[in-house]
């Protein structure tokens, strides 16, 4: 069975230089994360705040922690001291809370707006219109401790690659169209799309961050 280091090396080889790998570490013990770290992984993605906080305390401090799961406002304060990037901002209310906690920690936290692109009812996210309302809102400039640096999306869970590709392509188009609204607080530089099953399609469609778990650590 290939090691975590082998898996990481193989995935990295297949990625364009513009696409960075986020190792999704949810439910994985720190021993496996330490193996990934030893093999060069520095971007770790977590779905649950409590898990991220516990692992952050145990692991080296040059790891960039990315929050990739659905985020509740009451949990923001626990990760605000150290989180590098929040992929899953799906409401203005949540963005305001991140700003409030970032300010308490004297930090500016980078955020991605999560756009709903899948054909399933279960996924969280904003419509393109709702995301546009946030980035053009007159209230946004007051939130000096957050920056919106791009978009995130999750494709439908389907074997039909044409559906997945079309969803990623649609998100890339949204990403490009939002560039005309860039200012000191909004830049479209990160496009987070693609997971273990579809990251190769995602990078072909312009993803800058792929979130890969099982292809690195094995199925849980």
N, C-alpha and C. Protein backbone atom coordinates (compact mmCIF):
# COMPACT_ATOMS: atom_id res chain seq x y z
N UNK A 1 0.84 -1.20 0.00
CA UNK A 1 0.00 0.00 0.00
C UNK A 1 0.88 1.25 0.00
N UNK A 2 0.59 2.22 -0.90
CA UNK A 2 1.45 3.41 -0.95
C UNK A 2 1.37 4.23 0.35
N UNK A 3 2.47 4.84 0.72
CA UNK A 3 2.49 5.64 1.95
C UNK A 3 1.86 7.01 1.69
N UNK A 4 1.62 7.75 2.77
CA UNK A 4 1.11 9.11 2.65
C UNK A 4 2.07 9.97 1.82
N UNK A 5 3.37 9.78 2.06
CA UNK A 5 4.39 10.53 1.29
C UNK A 5 4.29 10.22 -0.20
N UNK A 6 4.09 8.93 -0.53
CA UNK A 6 3.94 8.52 -1.93
C UNK A 6 2.71 9.18 -2.55
N UNK A 7 1.61 9.12 -1.82
CA UNK A 7 0.35 9.70 -2.32
C UNK A 7 0.50 11.20 -2.57
N UNK A 8 1.13 11.89 -1.60
CA UNK A 8 1.34 13.33 -1.75
C UNK A 8 2.19 13.65 -2.98
N UNK A 9 3.27 12.89 -3.12
CA UNK A 9 4.19 13.12 -4.25
C UNK A 9 3.46 12.91 -5.58
N UNK A 10 2.63 11.87 -5.62
CA UNK A 10 1.93 11.56 -6.87
C UNK A 10 0.92 12.66 -7.21
N UNK A 11 0.20 13.14 -6.20
CA UNK A 11 -0.80 14.19 -6.44
C UNK A 11 -0.09 15.48 -6.87
N UNK A 12 0.98 15.83 -6.16
CA UNK A 12 1.71 17.07 -6.48
C UNK A 12 2.23 17.05 -7.91
N UNK A 13 2.70 15.88 -8.33
CA UNK A 13 3.23 15.77 -9.70
C UNK A 13 2.17 16.09 -10.74
N UNK A 14 0.91 15.74 -10.42
CA UNK A 14 -0.17 15.94 -11.38
C UNK A 14 -0.77 17.34 -11.34
N UNK A 15 -0.29 18.19 -10.44
CA UNK A 15 -0.87 19.53 -10.31
C UNK A 15 -0.07 20.58 -11.08
N UNK A 16 -0.79 21.53 -11.63
CA UNK A 16 -0.12 22.67 -12.27
C UNK A 16 0.51 23.52 -11.16
N UNK A 17 1.46 24.35 -11.53
CA UNK A 17 2.13 25.14 -10.48
C UNK A 17 1.18 26.19 -9.89
N UNK A 18 0.11 26.52 -10.63
CA UNK A 18 -0.85 27.52 -10.11
C UNK A 18 -1.81 26.91 -9.09
N UNK A 19 -1.82 25.58 -8.97
CA UNK A 19 -2.79 24.92 -8.11
C UNK A 19 -2.10 24.37 -6.86
N UNK A 20 -2.59 24.80 -5.69
CA UNK A 20 -2.00 24.33 -4.44
C UNK A 20 -2.89 23.25 -3.81
N UNK A 21 -2.23 22.36 -3.11
CA UNK A 21 -2.91 21.22 -2.50
C UNK A 21 -3.21 21.49 -1.03
N UNK A 22 -4.49 21.39 -0.67
CA UNK A 22 -4.89 21.44 0.73
C UNK A 22 -5.16 20.01 1.18
N UNK A 23 -4.36 19.52 2.12
CA UNK A 23 -4.56 18.16 2.64
C UNK A 23 -5.71 18.19 3.64
N UNK A 24 -6.79 17.48 3.30
CA UNK A 24 -7.98 17.48 4.15
C UNK A 24 -7.79 16.45 5.26
N UNK A 25 -7.71 16.97 6.49
CA UNK A 25 -7.27 16.14 7.61
C UNK A 25 -8.41 15.76 8.55
N UNK A 26 -9.65 16.02 8.16
CA UNK A 26 -10.78 15.75 9.05
C UNK A 26 -10.82 14.28 9.45
N UNK A 27 -11.11 14.06 10.71
CA UNK A 27 -11.21 12.72 11.34
C UNK A 27 -9.89 11.95 11.37
N UNK A 28 -8.82 12.54 10.86
CA UNK A 28 -7.53 11.82 10.84
C UNK A 28 -6.73 12.15 12.11
N UNK A 29 -6.07 11.14 12.69
CA UNK A 29 -5.27 11.39 13.90
C UNK A 29 -4.01 12.19 13.59
N UNK A 30 -3.49 12.87 14.60
CA UNK A 30 -2.31 13.72 14.37
C UNK A 30 -1.10 12.91 13.89
N UNK A 31 -1.06 11.62 14.21
CA UNK A 31 0.07 10.81 13.73
C UNK A 31 0.14 10.81 12.20
N UNK A 32 -1.03 10.73 11.56
CA UNK A 32 -1.05 10.75 10.08
C UNK A 32 -0.73 12.14 9.56
N UNK A 33 -1.17 13.18 10.28
CA UNK A 33 -0.87 14.55 9.87
C UNK A 33 0.63 14.81 9.97
N UNK A 34 1.25 14.23 11.00
CA UNK A 34 2.69 14.38 11.18
C UNK A 34 3.44 13.75 10.01
N UNK A 35 2.92 12.60 9.53
CA UNK A 35 3.52 11.95 8.34
C UNK A 35 3.41 12.86 7.12
N UNK A 36 2.24 13.46 6.95
CA UNK A 36 2.03 14.35 5.80
C UNK A 36 2.94 15.58 5.92
N UNK A 37 3.07 16.08 7.13
CA UNK A 37 3.94 17.25 7.37
C UNK A 37 5.39 16.90 7.03
N UNK A 38 5.81 15.72 7.46
CA UNK A 38 7.19 15.27 7.19
C UNK A 38 7.43 15.14 5.68
N UNK A 39 6.35 14.86 4.95
CA UNK A 39 6.47 14.72 3.48
C UNK A 39 6.31 16.06 2.76
N UNK A 40 6.19 17.14 3.53
CA UNK A 40 6.17 18.47 2.92
C UNK A 40 4.84 19.20 2.90
N UNK A 41 3.76 18.53 3.34
CA UNK A 41 2.45 19.20 3.33
C UNK A 41 2.42 20.32 4.37
N UNK A 42 1.93 21.50 3.98
CA UNK A 42 1.84 22.63 4.92
C UNK A 42 0.45 23.26 4.95
N UNK A 43 -0.41 22.94 3.99
CA UNK A 43 -1.77 23.47 4.00
C UNK A 43 -2.70 22.34 4.44
N UNK A 44 -3.33 22.51 5.60
CA UNK A 44 -4.22 21.48 6.13
C UNK A 44 -5.63 22.04 6.22
N UNK A 45 -6.60 21.27 5.74
CA UNK A 45 -7.99 21.70 5.76
C UNK A 45 -8.80 20.89 6.75
N UNK A 46 -9.58 21.57 7.58
CA UNK A 46 -10.43 20.90 8.56
C UNK A 46 -11.89 21.28 8.37
N UNK A 47 -12.78 20.35 8.70
CA UNK A 47 -14.22 20.60 8.62
C UNK A 47 -14.82 21.08 9.93
N UNK A 48 -14.18 20.71 11.03
CA UNK A 48 -14.75 21.06 12.34
C UNK A 48 -13.75 21.91 13.13
N UNK A 49 -14.27 22.97 13.72
CA UNK A 49 -13.42 23.91 14.43
C UNK A 49 -12.71 23.25 15.62
N UNK A 50 -13.46 22.47 16.41
CA UNK A 50 -12.84 21.86 17.60
C UNK A 50 -11.65 20.98 17.22
N UNK A 51 -11.83 20.24 16.12
CA UNK A 51 -10.76 19.35 15.67
C UNK A 51 -9.55 20.18 15.22
N UNK A 52 -9.81 21.27 14.53
CA UNK A 52 -8.72 22.12 14.05
C UNK A 52 -7.95 22.73 15.21
N UNK A 53 -8.68 23.20 16.23
CA UNK A 53 -8.03 23.82 17.38
C UNK A 53 -7.13 22.81 18.10
N UNK A 54 -7.65 21.61 18.30
CA UNK A 54 -6.87 20.57 19.00
C UNK A 54 -5.61 20.22 18.22
N UNK A 55 -5.74 20.08 16.90
CA UNK A 55 -4.58 19.71 16.08
C UNK A 55 -3.58 20.86 15.98
N UNK A 56 -4.09 22.09 15.90
CA UNK A 56 -3.21 23.26 15.84
C UNK A 56 -2.31 23.30 17.07
N UNK A 57 -2.88 22.95 18.22
CA UNK A 57 -2.10 22.99 19.47
C UNK A 57 -0.97 21.95 19.47
N UNK A 58 -1.24 20.82 18.80
CA UNK A 58 -0.27 19.71 18.85
C UNK A 58 0.80 19.77 17.78
N UNK A 59 0.51 20.43 16.66
CA UNK A 59 1.36 20.33 15.48
C UNK A 59 2.21 21.58 15.26
N UNK A 60 3.22 21.49 14.38
CA UNK A 60 4.11 22.64 14.14
C UNK A 60 3.34 23.88 13.71
N UNK A 61 3.90 25.02 14.06
CA UNK A 61 3.17 26.28 13.88
C UNK A 61 3.34 26.89 12.49
N UNK A 62 4.10 26.24 11.60
CA UNK A 62 4.18 26.79 10.24
C UNK A 62 3.14 26.16 9.32
N UNK A 63 2.20 25.42 9.90
CA UNK A 63 1.10 24.87 9.11
C UNK A 63 0.06 25.98 8.90
N UNK A 64 -0.43 26.07 7.66
CA UNK A 64 -1.55 26.98 7.36
C UNK A 64 -2.84 26.18 7.53
N UNK A 65 -3.68 26.63 8.45
CA UNK A 65 -4.95 25.93 8.68
C UNK A 65 -6.07 26.58 7.89
N UNK A 66 -6.76 25.75 7.09
CA UNK A 66 -7.88 26.23 6.29
C UNK A 66 -9.17 25.62 6.84
N UNK A 67 -10.17 26.46 7.07
CA UNK A 67 -11.49 25.96 7.48
C UNK A 67 -12.30 25.72 6.23
N UNK A 68 -12.63 24.45 5.98
CA UNK A 68 -13.30 24.13 4.71
C UNK A 68 -14.73 23.65 4.91
N UNK A 69 -15.13 23.40 6.16
CA UNK A 69 -16.48 22.89 6.41
C UNK A 69 -17.45 24.00 6.76
N UNK A 70 -18.72 23.64 6.86
CA UNK A 70 -19.75 24.60 7.25
C UNK A 70 -19.40 25.16 8.62
N UNK A 71 -19.46 26.48 8.73
CA UNK A 71 -18.97 27.16 9.94
C UNK A 71 -20.12 27.85 10.66
N UNK A 72 -20.27 27.54 11.93
CA UNK A 72 -21.28 28.21 12.75
C UNK A 72 -20.67 29.45 13.40
N UNK A 73 -21.45 30.51 13.49
CA UNK A 73 -20.93 31.77 14.01
C UNK A 73 -20.37 31.62 15.43
N UNK A 74 -20.99 30.77 16.24
CA UNK A 74 -20.54 30.65 17.64
C UNK A 74 -19.21 29.92 17.79
N UNK A 75 -18.69 29.37 16.69
CA UNK A 75 -17.41 28.65 16.75
C UNK A 75 -16.23 29.50 16.25
N UNK A 76 -16.54 30.62 15.63
CA UNK A 76 -15.50 31.43 14.97
C UNK A 76 -14.40 31.84 15.95
N UNK A 77 -14.80 32.20 17.17
CA UNK A 77 -13.83 32.75 18.14
C UNK A 77 -12.70 31.78 18.46
N UNK A 78 -12.97 30.47 18.37
CA UNK A 78 -11.95 29.48 18.75
C UNK A 78 -10.81 29.40 17.73
N UNK A 79 -11.12 29.67 16.47
CA UNK A 79 -10.09 29.52 15.44
C UNK A 79 -9.53 30.87 14.98
N UNK A 80 -10.19 31.97 15.38
CA UNK A 80 -9.78 33.29 14.92
C UNK A 80 -8.32 33.63 15.21
N UNK A 81 -7.71 33.12 16.31
CA UNK A 81 -6.31 33.47 16.57
C UNK A 81 -5.33 32.94 15.52
N UNK A 82 -5.70 31.89 14.77
CA UNK A 82 -4.68 31.26 13.91
C UNK A 82 -5.13 30.86 12.51
N UNK A 83 -6.41 30.78 12.23
CA UNK A 83 -6.84 30.25 10.93
C UNK A 83 -6.27 31.11 9.79
N UNK A 84 -5.82 30.46 8.72
CA UNK A 84 -5.22 31.18 7.58
C UNK A 84 -6.26 31.61 6.55
N UNK A 85 -7.19 30.70 6.27
CA UNK A 85 -8.17 30.96 5.21
C UNK A 85 -9.46 30.22 5.56
N UNK A 86 -10.58 30.94 5.45
CA UNK A 86 -11.89 30.31 5.62
C UNK A 86 -12.51 30.15 4.23
N UNK A 87 -12.72 28.89 3.83
CA UNK A 87 -13.23 28.62 2.48
C UNK A 87 -14.75 28.75 2.40
N UNK A 88 -15.42 28.70 3.56
CA UNK A 88 -16.85 28.37 3.57
C UNK A 88 -17.74 29.48 4.12
N UNK A 89 -17.48 30.73 3.70
CA UNK A 89 -18.34 31.83 4.14
C UNK A 89 -19.61 31.82 3.30
N UNK A 90 -20.75 31.56 3.96
CA UNK A 90 -22.01 31.42 3.21
C UNK A 90 -23.09 32.39 3.68
N UNK A 91 -22.69 33.44 4.41
CA UNK A 91 -23.65 34.49 4.77
C UNK A 91 -22.89 35.75 5.19
N UNK A 92 -23.56 36.89 5.07
CA UNK A 92 -22.96 38.15 5.51
C UNK A 92 -22.82 38.14 7.04
N UNK A 93 -23.78 37.50 7.70
CA UNK A 93 -23.74 37.38 9.16
C UNK A 93 -22.45 36.70 9.62
N UNK A 94 -22.09 35.63 8.92
CA UNK A 94 -20.87 34.89 9.27
C UNK A 94 -19.63 35.76 9.01
N UNK A 95 -19.63 36.48 7.90
CA UNK A 95 -18.49 37.35 7.57
C UNK A 95 -18.30 38.41 8.66
N UNK A 96 -19.41 38.96 9.14
CA UNK A 96 -19.34 39.98 10.21
C UNK A 96 -18.76 39.38 11.49
N UNK A 97 -19.15 38.14 11.79
CA UNK A 97 -18.64 37.48 13.00
C UNK A 97 -17.14 37.21 12.88
N UNK A 98 -16.70 36.78 11.70
CA UNK A 98 -15.26 36.55 11.47
C UNK A 98 -14.50 37.86 11.65
N UNK A 99 -15.07 38.94 11.12
CA UNK A 99 -14.44 40.26 11.26
C UNK A 99 -14.32 40.65 12.73
N UNK A 100 -15.38 40.43 13.48
CA UNK A 100 -15.40 40.80 14.91
C UNK A 100 -14.32 40.05 15.69
N UNK A 101 -14.22 38.74 15.43
CA UNK A 101 -13.24 37.92 16.17
C UNK A 101 -11.81 38.18 15.68
N UNK A 102 -11.66 38.46 14.38
CA UNK A 102 -10.34 38.80 13.84
C UNK A 102 -9.83 40.08 14.48
N UNK A 103 -10.73 41.04 14.65
CA UNK A 103 -10.36 42.33 15.25
C UNK A 103 -9.87 42.13 16.68
N UNK A 104 -10.55 41.27 17.43
CA UNK A 104 -10.14 40.99 18.82
C UNK A 104 -8.73 40.42 18.86
N UNK A 105 -8.36 39.68 17.81
CA UNK A 105 -7.04 39.06 17.75
C UNK A 105 -6.03 39.89 16.96
N UNK A 106 -6.45 41.11 16.60
CA UNK A 106 -5.58 42.01 15.85
C UNK A 106 -5.07 41.37 14.57
N UNK A 107 -5.99 40.72 13.85
CA UNK A 107 -5.63 40.03 12.60
C UNK A 107 -6.58 40.44 11.49
N UNK A 108 -6.15 40.18 10.26
CA UNK A 108 -7.04 40.25 9.11
C UNK A 108 -7.15 38.82 8.57
N UNK A 109 -8.36 38.30 8.50
CA UNK A 109 -8.56 36.90 8.08
C UNK A 109 -9.07 36.87 6.64
N UNK A 110 -8.38 36.08 5.82
CA UNK A 110 -8.78 35.89 4.42
C UNK A 110 -9.96 34.92 4.35
N UNK A 111 -10.91 35.25 3.49
CA UNK A 111 -12.12 34.44 3.36
C UNK A 111 -12.47 34.20 1.89
N UNK A 112 -13.08 33.05 1.64
CA UNK A 112 -13.66 32.76 0.34
C UNK A 112 -15.17 32.70 0.52
N UNK A 113 -15.91 33.18 -0.47
CA UNK A 113 -17.36 33.02 -0.43
C UNK A 113 -17.70 31.67 -1.05
N UNK A 114 -18.49 30.88 -0.33
CA UNK A 114 -18.89 29.57 -0.85
C UNK A 114 -20.12 29.73 -1.73
N UNK A 115 -19.96 29.34 -2.99
CA UNK A 115 -21.04 29.47 -3.97
C UNK A 115 -21.68 28.10 -4.17
N UNK A 116 -22.99 28.10 -4.21
CA UNK A 116 -23.74 26.85 -4.39
C UNK A 116 -23.77 26.50 -5.88
N UNK A 117 -23.07 25.43 -6.25
CA UNK A 117 -23.03 25.09 -7.69
C UNK A 117 -23.60 23.70 -7.99
N UNK A 118 -23.88 22.91 -6.95
CA UNK A 118 -24.26 21.51 -7.15
C UNK A 118 -25.75 21.36 -7.45
N UNK A 119 -26.11 20.17 -7.91
CA UNK A 119 -27.51 19.86 -8.21
C UNK A 119 -28.17 19.21 -6.98
N UNK A 120 -27.55 19.32 -5.83
CA UNK A 120 -28.10 18.65 -4.64
C UNK A 120 -28.59 19.68 -3.65
N UNK A 121 -29.57 19.30 -2.86
CA UNK A 121 -30.16 20.23 -1.90
C UNK A 121 -29.34 20.32 -0.60
N UNK A 122 -28.40 19.41 -0.42
CA UNK A 122 -27.74 19.31 0.89
C UNK A 122 -26.57 20.27 1.08
N UNK A 123 -26.06 20.82 -0.01
CA UNK A 123 -24.84 21.62 0.10
C UNK A 123 -25.15 23.06 0.54
N UNK A 124 -24.26 23.61 1.33
CA UNK A 124 -24.42 25.01 1.75
C UNK A 124 -23.87 25.93 0.65
N UNK A 125 -24.21 27.19 0.75
CA UNK A 125 -23.59 28.14 -0.18
C UNK A 125 -24.53 29.27 -0.57
N UNK A 126 -23.91 30.25 -1.23
CA UNK A 126 -24.62 31.43 -1.71
C UNK A 126 -24.93 31.27 -3.19
N UNK A 127 -25.98 31.94 -3.64
CA UNK A 127 -26.17 32.05 -5.09
C UNK A 127 -25.19 33.11 -5.59
N UNK A 128 -25.00 33.15 -6.89
CA UNK A 128 -24.11 34.17 -7.47
C UNK A 128 -24.60 35.58 -7.09
N UNK A 129 -25.93 35.76 -7.11
CA UNK A 129 -26.52 37.06 -6.79
C UNK A 129 -26.25 37.45 -5.34
N UNK A 130 -26.40 36.47 -4.43
CA UNK A 130 -26.15 36.76 -3.00
C UNK A 130 -24.69 37.11 -2.75
N UNK A 131 -23.79 36.40 -3.45
CA UNK A 131 -22.36 36.69 -3.28
C UNK A 131 -22.03 38.08 -3.81
N UNK A 132 -22.64 38.44 -4.92
CA UNK A 132 -22.42 39.76 -5.51
C UNK A 132 -22.91 40.86 -4.56
N UNK A 133 -24.05 40.59 -3.90
CA UNK A 133 -24.57 41.55 -2.92
C UNK A 133 -23.56 41.80 -1.80
N UNK A 134 -22.89 40.73 -1.37
CA UNK A 134 -21.90 40.87 -0.29
C UNK A 134 -20.71 41.70 -0.76
N UNK A 135 -20.16 41.36 -1.93
CA UNK A 135 -18.91 42.04 -2.33
C UNK A 135 -19.16 43.49 -2.77
N UNK A 136 -20.41 43.83 -3.08
CA UNK A 136 -20.70 45.21 -3.47
C UNK A 136 -21.43 45.97 -2.36
N UNK A 137 -21.58 45.34 -1.21
CA UNK A 137 -22.35 45.94 -0.12
C UNK A 137 -21.67 47.20 0.43
N UNK A 138 -22.47 48.19 0.74
CA UNK A 138 -21.95 49.43 1.34
C UNK A 138 -21.43 49.17 2.75
N UNK A 139 -21.86 48.04 3.34
CA UNK A 139 -21.41 47.70 4.70
C UNK A 139 -20.02 47.06 4.73
N UNK A 140 -19.61 46.51 3.60
CA UNK A 140 -18.36 45.73 3.59
C UNK A 140 -17.12 46.54 4.00
N UNK A 141 -16.94 47.77 3.51
CA UNK A 141 -15.72 48.51 3.86
C UNK A 141 -15.52 48.69 5.37
N UNK A 142 -16.59 48.63 6.14
CA UNK A 142 -16.47 48.77 7.60
C UNK A 142 -15.84 47.52 8.24
N UNK A 143 -15.86 46.41 7.51
CA UNK A 143 -15.31 45.15 8.05
C UNK A 143 -13.81 45.08 7.70
N UNK A 144 -13.02 45.85 8.43
CA UNK A 144 -11.61 46.04 8.07
C UNK A 144 -10.75 44.82 8.40
N UNK A 145 -11.29 43.84 9.15
CA UNK A 145 -10.47 42.70 9.58
C UNK A 145 -10.76 41.42 8.80
N UNK A 146 -11.47 41.57 7.69
CA UNK A 146 -11.62 40.43 6.76
C UNK A 146 -11.30 40.90 5.35
N UNK A 147 -10.80 39.95 4.56
CA UNK A 147 -10.62 40.19 3.13
C UNK A 147 -11.29 39.04 2.39
N UNK A 148 -12.00 39.37 1.34
CA UNK A 148 -12.56 38.34 0.48
C UNK A 148 -11.57 38.12 -0.65
N UNK A 149 -11.00 36.93 -0.71
CA UNK A 149 -9.90 36.69 -1.66
C UNK A 149 -10.26 35.68 -2.76
N UNK A 150 -11.55 35.30 -2.83
CA UNK A 150 -11.93 34.38 -3.89
C UNK A 150 -13.21 33.63 -3.56
N UNK A 151 -13.40 32.52 -4.28
CA UNK A 151 -14.64 31.74 -4.18
C UNK A 151 -14.34 30.27 -3.96
N UNK A 152 -15.31 29.57 -3.38
CA UNK A 152 -15.22 28.12 -3.21
C UNK A 152 -16.52 27.48 -3.67
N UNK A 153 -16.41 26.28 -4.22
CA UNK A 153 -17.62 25.54 -4.58
C UNK A 153 -17.39 24.04 -4.54
N UNK A 154 -18.48 23.30 -4.32
CA UNK A 154 -18.44 21.84 -4.32
C UNK A 154 -19.36 21.33 -5.41
N UNK A 155 -18.80 20.53 -6.30
CA UNK A 155 -19.59 20.00 -7.42
C UNK A 155 -20.54 18.92 -6.93
N UNK A 156 -21.52 18.60 -7.77
CA UNK A 156 -22.45 17.52 -7.46
C UNK A 156 -21.68 16.21 -7.27
N UNK A 157 -22.20 15.37 -6.40
CA UNK A 157 -21.60 14.06 -6.15
C UNK A 157 -22.14 13.09 -7.20
N UNK A 158 -21.49 13.10 -8.36
CA UNK A 158 -21.98 12.29 -9.48
C UNK A 158 -20.79 11.73 -10.25
N UNK A 159 -21.02 10.61 -10.93
CA UNK A 159 -19.97 10.03 -11.77
C UNK A 159 -19.93 10.70 -13.14
N UNK A 160 -20.91 11.55 -13.43
CA UNK A 160 -20.97 12.21 -14.73
C UNK A 160 -19.99 13.38 -14.75
N UNK A 161 -18.86 13.15 -15.38
CA UNK A 161 -17.81 14.17 -15.38
C UNK A 161 -18.23 15.43 -16.13
N UNK A 162 -19.15 15.28 -17.08
CA UNK A 162 -19.60 16.47 -17.82
C UNK A 162 -20.35 17.43 -16.91
N UNK A 163 -21.14 16.87 -15.99
CA UNK A 163 -21.88 17.69 -15.02
C UNK A 163 -20.89 18.43 -14.12
N UNK A 164 -19.92 17.67 -13.60
CA UNK A 164 -18.92 18.24 -12.69
C UNK A 164 -18.14 19.35 -13.40
N UNK A 165 -17.72 19.06 -14.61
CA UNK A 165 -16.92 20.05 -15.36
C UNK A 165 -17.74 21.32 -15.61
N UNK A 166 -19.01 21.14 -15.96
CA UNK A 166 -19.86 22.31 -16.23
C UNK A 166 -20.05 23.16 -14.97
N UNK A 167 -20.17 22.49 -13.82
CA UNK A 167 -20.34 23.24 -12.56
C UNK A 167 -19.06 24.02 -12.22
N UNK A 168 -17.91 23.38 -12.37
CA UNK A 168 -16.64 24.08 -12.12
C UNK A 168 -16.45 25.23 -13.10
N UNK A 169 -16.81 25.00 -14.36
CA UNK A 169 -16.63 26.04 -15.37
C UNK A 169 -17.53 27.24 -15.05
N UNK A 170 -18.74 26.95 -14.60
CA UNK A 170 -19.66 28.02 -14.22
C UNK A 170 -19.10 28.85 -13.07
N UNK A 171 -18.49 28.16 -12.10
CA UNK A 171 -17.91 28.89 -10.95
C UNK A 171 -16.72 29.74 -11.40
N UNK A 172 -15.93 29.21 -12.31
CA UNK A 172 -14.79 29.97 -12.84
C UNK A 172 -15.28 31.24 -13.55
N UNK A 173 -16.39 31.10 -14.27
CA UNK A 173 -16.96 32.27 -14.96
C UNK A 173 -17.42 33.33 -13.95
N UNK A 174 -18.05 32.87 -12.86
CA UNK A 174 -18.47 33.79 -11.80
C UNK A 174 -17.25 34.49 -11.21
N UNK A 175 -16.22 33.70 -10.93
CA UNK A 175 -14.96 34.21 -10.37
C UNK A 175 -14.39 35.32 -11.27
N UNK A 176 -14.35 35.05 -12.57
CA UNK A 176 -13.82 36.05 -13.52
C UNK A 176 -14.71 37.30 -13.56
N UNK A 177 -16.01 37.10 -13.52
CA UNK A 177 -16.93 38.25 -13.61
C UNK A 177 -16.84 39.12 -12.36
N UNK A 178 -16.49 38.52 -11.22
CA UNK A 178 -16.38 39.29 -9.97
C UNK A 178 -15.11 40.15 -9.94
N UNK A 179 -14.19 39.89 -10.85
CA UNK A 179 -12.93 40.67 -10.83
C UNK A 179 -13.17 42.15 -11.07
N UNK A 180 -14.27 42.47 -11.72
CA UNK A 180 -14.53 43.90 -11.98
C UNK A 180 -14.94 44.64 -10.71
N UNK A 181 -15.22 43.89 -9.65
CA UNK A 181 -15.61 44.52 -8.38
C UNK A 181 -14.45 44.55 -7.38
N UNK A 182 -13.25 44.23 -7.83
CA UNK A 182 -12.11 44.19 -6.91
C UNK A 182 -11.82 45.57 -6.34
N UNK A 183 -11.40 45.57 -5.08
CA UNK A 183 -10.95 46.81 -4.42
C UNK A 183 -9.97 46.40 -3.33
N UNK A 184 -9.68 47.28 -2.41
CA UNK A 184 -8.71 46.94 -1.37
C UNK A 184 -9.12 45.75 -0.51
N UNK A 185 -10.41 45.46 -0.51
CA UNK A 185 -10.92 44.41 0.37
C UNK A 185 -11.36 43.16 -0.36
N UNK A 186 -11.54 43.28 -1.64
CA UNK A 186 -12.02 42.14 -2.45
C UNK A 186 -11.03 41.90 -3.58
N UNK A 187 -10.42 40.71 -3.59
CA UNK A 187 -9.60 40.31 -4.73
C UNK A 187 -9.99 38.90 -5.11
N UNK A 188 -10.03 38.61 -6.39
CA UNK A 188 -10.34 37.26 -6.84
C UNK A 188 -9.02 36.58 -7.21
N UNK A 189 -8.37 35.99 -6.20
CA UNK A 189 -7.10 35.32 -6.49
C UNK A 189 -7.15 33.82 -6.18
N UNK A 190 -8.08 33.39 -5.33
CA UNK A 190 -8.17 31.96 -5.00
C UNK A 190 -9.52 31.40 -5.44
N UNK A 191 -9.44 30.27 -6.13
CA UNK A 191 -10.65 29.55 -6.54
C UNK A 191 -10.51 28.13 -6.00
N UNK A 192 -11.26 27.86 -4.94
CA UNK A 192 -11.16 26.57 -4.24
C UNK A 192 -12.22 25.63 -4.77
N UNK A 193 -11.79 24.70 -5.61
CA UNK A 193 -12.72 23.69 -6.10
C UNK A 193 -11.96 22.42 -6.45
N UNK A 194 -12.63 21.30 -6.22
CA UNK A 194 -12.02 20.00 -6.48
C UNK A 194 -11.67 19.27 -5.20
N UNK A 195 -12.08 17.99 -5.15
CA UNK A 195 -11.78 17.11 -4.02
C UNK A 195 -11.16 15.83 -4.58
N UNK A 196 -11.01 14.82 -3.71
CA UNK A 196 -10.29 13.61 -4.15
C UNK A 196 -10.80 13.05 -5.47
N UNK A 197 -12.12 13.06 -5.67
CA UNK A 197 -12.68 12.43 -6.87
C UNK A 197 -12.64 13.28 -8.12
N UNK A 198 -12.50 14.61 -7.96
CA UNK A 198 -12.65 15.46 -9.14
C UNK A 198 -11.62 16.59 -9.23
N UNK A 199 -10.53 16.47 -8.46
CA UNK A 199 -9.59 17.60 -8.43
C UNK A 199 -8.86 17.81 -9.76
N UNK A 200 -8.69 16.74 -10.53
CA UNK A 200 -8.00 16.91 -11.82
C UNK A 200 -8.85 17.72 -12.80
N UNK A 201 -10.17 17.46 -12.79
CA UNK A 201 -11.08 18.27 -13.62
C UNK A 201 -11.06 19.71 -13.11
N UNK A 202 -11.09 19.86 -11.77
CA UNK A 202 -11.13 21.19 -11.17
C UNK A 202 -9.91 22.03 -11.57
N UNK A 203 -8.74 21.40 -11.54
CA UNK A 203 -7.55 22.20 -11.89
C UNK A 203 -7.54 22.54 -13.38
N UNK A 204 -8.07 21.65 -14.21
CA UNK A 204 -8.19 21.98 -15.64
C UNK A 204 -9.12 23.17 -15.85
N UNK A 205 -10.09 23.33 -14.96
CA UNK A 205 -11.06 24.43 -15.08
C UNK A 205 -10.63 25.67 -14.29
N UNK A 206 -9.40 25.65 -13.74
CA UNK A 206 -8.87 26.88 -13.16
C UNK A 206 -8.79 26.96 -11.65
N UNK A 207 -8.95 25.83 -10.98
CA UNK A 207 -8.86 25.85 -9.51
C UNK A 207 -7.46 26.23 -9.05
N UNK A 208 -7.36 27.06 -8.00
CA UNK A 208 -6.05 27.38 -7.41
C UNK A 208 -5.81 26.61 -6.12
N UNK A 209 -6.88 26.03 -5.55
CA UNK A 209 -6.77 25.24 -4.32
C UNK A 209 -7.63 24.00 -4.47
N UNK A 210 -7.00 22.82 -4.37
CA UNK A 210 -7.79 21.58 -4.38
C UNK A 210 -7.75 20.97 -2.98
N UNK A 211 -8.91 20.46 -2.54
CA UNK A 211 -9.06 19.95 -1.18
C UNK A 211 -9.11 18.42 -1.23
N UNK A 212 -7.99 17.79 -0.91
CA UNK A 212 -7.87 16.34 -1.12
C UNK A 212 -7.62 15.63 0.21
N UNK A 213 -8.46 14.66 0.53
CA UNK A 213 -8.31 13.91 1.76
C UNK A 213 -8.01 12.44 1.53
N UNK A 214 -9.03 11.71 1.06
CA UNK A 214 -8.89 10.25 0.96
C UNK A 214 -7.80 9.83 -0.01
N UNK A 215 -7.52 10.62 -1.05
CA UNK A 215 -6.46 10.25 -1.99
C UNK A 215 -5.07 10.37 -1.34
N UNK A 216 -5.00 11.10 -0.23
CA UNK A 216 -3.73 11.20 0.52
C UNK A 216 -3.69 10.20 1.66
N UNK A 217 -4.77 10.20 2.46
CA UNK A 217 -4.76 9.45 3.72
C UNK A 217 -5.46 8.10 3.63
N UNK A 218 -6.05 7.79 2.45
CA UNK A 218 -6.84 6.56 2.35
C UNK A 218 -8.25 6.83 2.84
N UNK A 219 -9.17 5.91 2.52
CA UNK A 219 -10.56 6.10 2.95
C UNK A 219 -10.61 5.91 4.45
N UNK A 220 -11.56 6.62 5.07
CA UNK A 220 -11.59 6.48 6.55
C UNK A 220 -12.19 5.14 6.94
